[in-house]
N, C-alpha and C. Protein backbone atom coordinates (compact mmCIF):
# COMPACT_ATOMS: atom_id res chain seq x y z
N MET A 1 57.58 -19.00 8.03
CA MET A 1 57.15 -18.39 6.74
C MET A 1 57.41 -16.99 6.95
N ASN A 2 58.06 -17.06 6.04
CA ASN A 2 58.59 -15.08 5.84
C ASN A 2 58.04 -15.09 4.75
N PRO A 3 57.54 -13.39 4.89
CA PRO A 3 56.31 -13.02 4.22
C PRO A 3 57.61 -12.19 3.10
N PHE A 4 59.05 -11.47 4.30
CA PHE A 4 59.90 -10.38 2.76
C PHE A 4 60.96 -11.17 1.85
N LYS A 5 60.64 -13.37 2.07
CA LYS A 5 61.18 -13.95 1.05
C LYS A 5 61.46 -13.92 -0.03
N ASN A 6 60.34 -13.18 -0.21
CA ASN A 6 59.94 -13.80 -2.19
C ASN A 6 59.65 -11.47 -2.54
N ARG A 7 59.00 -10.75 -1.79
CA ARG A 7 59.33 -9.28 -1.81
C ARG A 7 60.08 -8.43 -2.37
N ASP A 8 60.38 -7.78 -3.68
CA ASP A 8 61.56 -6.91 -3.76
C ASP A 8 61.33 -5.45 -2.63
N LEU A 9 62.48 -4.55 -2.67
CA LEU A 9 62.34 -3.88 -1.31
C LEU A 9 62.06 -3.03 -1.76
N SER A 10 61.28 -1.80 -1.37
CA SER A 10 60.83 -0.89 -2.11
C SER A 10 60.26 -0.58 -0.93
N LEU A 11 60.53 1.34 -1.66
CA LEU A 11 61.07 2.31 -1.09
C LEU A 11 58.78 2.97 -0.38
N ASN A 12 58.34 1.57 -0.43
CA ASN A 12 56.96 2.30 -0.03
C ASN A 12 56.92 1.06 0.62
N GLY A 13 57.89 1.08 1.30
CA GLY A 13 57.71 -0.33 3.52
C GLY A 13 57.29 -1.57 3.21
N PRO A 14 58.06 -2.73 4.06
CA PRO A 14 58.00 -1.29 5.16
C PRO A 14 59.41 -2.20 5.52
N ALA A 15 60.46 -1.36 6.16
CA ALA A 15 61.91 -1.12 6.30
C ALA A 15 62.44 -2.80 6.72
N THR A 16 63.23 -3.85 5.85
CA THR A 16 63.78 -3.99 6.92
C THR A 16 64.81 -5.37 7.89
N ASP A 17 65.03 -3.59 8.49
CA ASP A 17 66.01 -3.97 9.17
C ASP A 17 66.06 -2.81 9.58
N ILE A 18 66.49 -2.23 11.50
CA ILE A 18 66.20 -0.84 11.37
C ILE A 18 67.57 -1.23 12.49
N LEU A 19 68.55 -0.06 12.52
CA LEU A 19 70.44 0.19 13.65
C LEU A 19 69.92 1.31 13.95
N PRO A 20 70.49 1.04 15.47
CA PRO A 20 71.15 2.09 15.96
C PRO A 20 71.89 3.46 15.43
N VAL A 21 71.83 4.77 15.70
CA VAL A 21 72.28 5.85 15.48
C VAL A 21 72.98 6.36 15.63
N LEU A 22 74.63 6.26 15.81
CA LEU A 22 75.72 7.09 16.79
C LEU A 22 75.61 8.91 16.02
N PRO A 23 75.00 9.21 16.45
CA PRO A 23 75.07 10.65 15.35
C PRO A 23 76.59 11.67 15.75
N SER A 24 77.23 11.45 13.92
CA SER A 24 78.61 11.70 13.97
C SER A 24 78.40 12.86 12.46
N ASP A 25 79.20 14.16 13.00
CA ASP A 25 79.42 15.45 12.02
C ASP A 25 80.45 14.62 10.16
N THR A 26 81.26 13.67 10.43
CA THR A 26 81.95 13.63 9.61
C THR A 26 81.20 12.16 8.93
N VAL A 27 80.93 11.24 9.53
CA VAL A 27 80.55 9.18 9.54
C VAL A 27 79.62 9.97 8.62
N ASP A 28 78.88 8.93 7.11
CA ASP A 28 77.69 9.23 6.71
C ASP A 28 77.06 7.28 7.89
N LEU A 29 75.91 7.18 7.64
CA LEU A 29 75.08 6.13 7.68
C LEU A 29 75.33 5.37 7.43
N PRO A 30 75.48 4.12 7.76
CA PRO A 30 76.17 2.37 6.23
C PRO A 30 75.03 2.48 5.44
N LEU A 31 74.07 2.90 5.98
CA LEU A 31 73.20 3.02 4.35
C LEU A 31 71.95 4.07 4.67
N VAL A 32 71.41 4.29 3.97
CA VAL A 32 70.66 5.99 3.45
C VAL A 32 69.43 4.55 3.27
N ALA A 33 68.29 5.35 4.91
CA ALA A 33 67.61 5.24 5.42
C ALA A 33 66.34 6.13 4.68
N PRO A 34 65.24 4.97 5.11
CA PRO A 34 64.24 5.64 4.35
C PRO A 34 63.51 6.22 5.90
N ALA A 35 64.34 6.15 6.05
CA ALA A 35 62.99 7.18 7.79
C ALA A 35 64.05 6.81 8.73
N ILE A 36 63.91 7.49 9.72
CA ILE A 36 64.52 7.25 10.55
C ILE A 36 63.64 7.39 12.33
N TYR A 37 63.98 6.78 13.85
CA TYR A 37 62.49 6.92 14.48
C TYR A 37 63.40 7.52 15.49
N THR A 38 63.28 8.07 16.99
CA THR A 38 63.92 8.44 17.91
C THR A 38 63.25 8.22 19.23
N GLU A 39 63.67 7.73 20.07
CA GLU A 39 62.55 6.91 21.09
C GLU A 39 62.81 8.51 22.29
N THR A 40 63.51 9.31 21.88
CA THR A 40 63.30 10.74 22.85
C THR A 40 63.31 11.81 21.84
N GLY A 41 62.92 11.92 22.23
CA GLY A 41 62.55 14.01 21.54
C GLY A 41 63.49 14.52 21.84
N GLY A 42 63.67 15.43 20.63
CA GLY A 42 64.32 16.72 21.59
C GLY A 42 64.64 17.37 19.58
N THR A 43 65.52 18.21 19.35
CA THR A 43 66.54 18.58 17.80
C THR A 43 66.60 17.56 17.44
N ILE A 44 66.35 17.33 15.60
CA ILE A 44 67.67 16.06 14.76
C ILE A 44 68.14 17.29 14.28
N VAL A 45 69.39 17.28 13.75
CA VAL A 45 69.70 17.51 13.07
C VAL A 45 70.14 16.29 11.36
N ILE A 46 70.22 16.19 10.88
CA ILE A 46 70.10 15.84 9.29
C ILE A 46 70.81 16.71 8.32
N VAL A 47 71.35 15.14 7.50
CA VAL A 47 71.70 15.44 5.46
C VAL A 47 70.71 14.89 5.15
N THR A 48 69.85 15.46 4.21
CA THR A 48 69.04 14.37 2.95
C THR A 48 69.15 13.89 1.85
N VAL A 49 69.08 12.65 1.84
CA VAL A 49 69.52 12.32 1.00
C VAL A 49 70.50 13.34 -0.78
N ALA A 50 69.39 14.54 -0.21
CA ALA A 50 69.16 15.59 -1.60
C ALA A 50 70.63 16.83 -1.07
N GLY A 51 71.51 15.67 0.11
CA GLY A 51 72.28 16.92 0.60
C GLY A 51 72.20 18.13 1.32
N HIS A 52 70.37 17.44 1.90
CA HIS A 52 70.61 19.31 2.36
C HIS A 52 70.66 19.51 3.54
N THR A 53 70.83 20.11 4.96
CA THR A 53 70.84 19.88 6.19
C THR A 53 70.14 20.63 6.27
N ARG A 54 69.45 19.80 7.63
CA ARG A 54 68.34 19.98 7.98
C ARG A 54 67.79 19.69 9.27
N THR A 55 66.79 20.80 10.20
CA THR A 55 67.08 20.23 11.36
C THR A 55 65.86 20.66 11.73
N VAL A 56 65.52 19.51 12.65
CA VAL A 56 64.57 19.55 12.91
C VAL A 56 63.85 19.02 14.34
N LYS A 57 62.88 19.39 15.14
CA LYS A 57 62.29 18.68 16.05
C LYS A 57 60.47 17.87 16.36
N VAL A 58 61.53 16.52 17.36
CA VAL A 58 60.74 15.26 16.59
C VAL A 58 60.17 15.58 18.45
N ALA A 59 58.77 14.53 18.57
CA ALA A 59 58.65 14.36 19.43
C ALA A 59 58.85 13.15 20.17
N ASP A 60 58.54 12.14 20.98
CA ASP A 60 59.15 11.25 21.29
C ASP A 60 58.35 10.26 20.97
N TYR A 61 58.50 9.14 20.08
CA TYR A 61 58.84 7.66 19.36
C TYR A 61 57.81 8.66 18.41
N SER A 62 58.57 8.96 17.86
CA SER A 62 58.55 9.45 16.73
C SER A 62 59.37 9.05 15.21
N VAL A 63 58.49 8.64 14.01
CA VAL A 63 59.71 8.75 12.82
C VAL A 63 59.71 9.53 11.81
N LEU A 64 60.32 9.52 11.51
CA LEU A 64 60.69 10.90 9.97
C LEU A 64 60.76 10.78 9.35
N ALA A 65 59.68 10.43 7.84
CA ALA A 65 59.54 9.31 6.34
C ALA A 65 60.48 10.60 5.68
N VAL A 66 61.57 10.54 5.86
CA VAL A 66 63.14 11.40 4.27
C VAL A 66 63.84 10.75 4.55
N GLY A 67 64.68 10.48 3.28
CA GLY A 67 65.33 10.01 3.38
C GLY A 67 66.52 9.88 4.39
N VAL A 68 67.27 9.97 4.62
CA VAL A 68 68.58 9.96 5.63
C VAL A 68 69.88 9.47 5.70
N SER A 69 71.06 10.12 5.30
CA SER A 69 72.01 9.84 4.68
C SER A 69 73.08 10.09 5.65
N ARG A 70 73.04 10.74 6.94
CA ARG A 70 73.63 11.42 7.64
C ARG A 70 72.73 12.20 9.49
N VAL A 71 72.90 11.97 10.94
CA VAL A 71 72.77 11.94 11.80
C VAL A 71 74.14 13.14 12.64
N MET A 72 73.75 14.48 12.21
CA MET A 72 74.42 15.09 13.09
C MET A 72 74.45 15.00 14.45
N ALA A 73 76.13 15.25 14.57
CA ALA A 73 75.86 14.97 15.95
C ALA A 73 76.14 16.21 16.66
N THR A 74 76.75 17.48 16.43
CA THR A 74 76.76 18.40 16.35
C THR A 74 74.86 18.15 16.47
N GLY A 75 73.84 19.70 17.53
CA GLY A 75 72.56 20.05 17.44
C GLY A 75 71.24 19.50 17.28
N THR A 76 72.10 18.06 17.30
CA THR A 76 71.22 16.75 17.94
C THR A 76 71.30 16.20 19.24
N THR A 77 70.04 16.73 20.13
CA THR A 77 69.70 16.90 21.59
C THR A 77 68.77 15.43 21.44
N ALA A 78 67.91 14.76 20.35
CA ALA A 78 67.07 13.36 20.71
C ALA A 78 67.58 12.20 20.81
N THR A 79 67.50 11.51 21.64
CA THR A 79 68.44 10.55 21.73
C THR A 79 67.60 9.41 20.77
N GLY A 80 68.66 7.65 21.42
CA GLY A 80 67.12 6.35 21.16
C GLY A 80 67.12 6.48 19.58
N ILE A 81 67.99 6.94 18.79
CA ILE A 81 68.65 7.20 16.81
C ILE A 81 67.83 5.72 16.56
N HIS A 82 67.38 5.19 15.80
CA HIS A 82 67.29 4.51 14.99
C HIS A 82 66.88 5.09 13.31
N ALA A 83 67.88 4.36 12.72
CA ALA A 83 67.91 4.02 10.79
C ALA A 83 66.63 3.08 10.68
N LEU A 84 65.50 2.99 9.79
CA LEU A 84 64.69 2.41 9.41
C LEU A 84 65.15 2.15 7.95
N VAL A 85 65.92 0.92 7.17
CA VAL A 85 66.75 0.82 6.52
C VAL A 85 66.47 -0.68 5.42
N LEU A 86 66.64 -0.39 4.47
CA LEU A 86 66.17 -1.68 3.33
C LEU A 86 67.52 -2.74 3.19
N ALA A 87 67.27 -3.37 3.46
CA ALA A 87 68.49 -4.44 3.09
C ALA A 87 68.33 -5.78 3.05
């Protein structure tokens, strides 16, 4: 049984898929992510859905619950980044 079958997509969660992120200074994520997950902490530079570039320090295995349209390569040291998406 699929509990998502008759459920509307919602920002209240949960995400329906998780996509690996290749940080880029020029290319947006294929889908806007309501949150991102990092396996190895460090600095992450993101462009929010509001259009602002933000620099955030994250710990290992962190979930950053903010709408993200791009993860920048320049300045990002965190690795194992994944976009939690509604698809």
